[in-house]
Every structure is written in C-alpha cells, then in structure tokens.
C-alpha cells in the first residue's frame, strides 16, 4: 500500500488520515444498515 492515497476528489491523505477515513466509512456503513432496517420495518408496517 502506498504512503499517500489519492481520492477521487483530488485530495491526498497520509496513512493516519486513511485510517480515520476507513473508520468513518465503517461508522457510516453501520448507520446505513440501521437506516435500512428502519426503512424495511416501515415498509412492512405500511404494506
């Protein structure tokens, strides 16, 4: 793995920033899963 990661937005991160981004992505994915569960429950409730 390279020392710096170039993202699609044109920003470059060093390794520490990359770790922070990865942990943030994991947190977001957990939130998305929770939202999916809530949305599915609402859909089932209203059907």
Protein backbone atom coordinates (compact mmCIF):
# COMPACT_ATOMS: atom_id res chain seq x y z
CA UNK A 1 0.00 0.00 0.00
CA UNK A 2 1.27 3.45 -0.88
CA UNK A 3 2.12 6.08 1.72
CA UNK A 4 -0.40 8.54 0.30
CA UNK A 5 -3.81 7.74 -1.15
CA UNK A 6 -5.23 9.99 -3.85
CA UNK A 7 -9.01 10.12 -3.64
CA UNK A 8 -11.45 10.93 -6.42
CA UNK A 9 -11.96 14.42 -5.00
CA UNK A 10 -8.35 15.36 -5.70
CA UNK A 11 -7.42 15.34 -2.01
CA UNK A 12 -4.44 13.34 -0.78
CA UNK A 13 -4.36 11.59 2.59
CA UNK A 14 -1.42 10.21 4.51
CA UNK A 15 -1.72 6.86 6.28
CA UNK A 16 -3.19 8.31 9.50
CA UNK A 17 -5.89 10.17 7.56
CA UNK A 18 -6.60 7.00 5.62
CA UNK A 19 -7.20 5.09 8.86
CA UNK A 20 -9.58 7.84 10.02
CA UNK A 21 -11.45 7.70 6.71
CA UNK A 22 -11.74 3.91 6.93
CA UNK A 23 -13.16 4.11 10.47
CA UNK A 24 -15.57 6.85 9.38
CA UNK A 25 -16.70 4.71 6.45
CA UNK A 26 -17.31 1.80 8.82
CA UNK A 27 -19.38 4.04 11.10
CA UNK A 28 -21.39 5.31 8.13
CA UNK A 29 -21.99 1.78 6.86
CA UNK A 30 -23.27 0.78 10.31
CA UNK A 31 -25.61 3.79 10.27
CA UNK A 32 -26.79 2.87 6.76
CA UNK A 33 -27.54 -0.69 7.91
CA UNK A 34 -29.58 0.69 10.84
CA UNK A 35 -31.45 3.03 8.47
CA UNK A 36 -32.14 0.11 6.10
CA UNK A 37 -33.61 -1.90 8.98
CA UNK A 38 -35.84 1.03 9.98
CA UNK A 39 -36.93 1.64 6.38
CA UNK A 40 -37.69 -2.05 5.87
CA UNK A 41 -39.69 -2.12 9.10
CA UNK A 42 -41.68 0.93 7.97
CA UNK A 43 -42.33 -0.60 4.55
CA UNK A 44 -43.53 -3.85 6.14
CA UNK A 45 -45.64 -1.84 8.61
CA UNK A 46 -47.37 0.14 5.86
CA UNK A 47 -47.91 -2.77 3.46
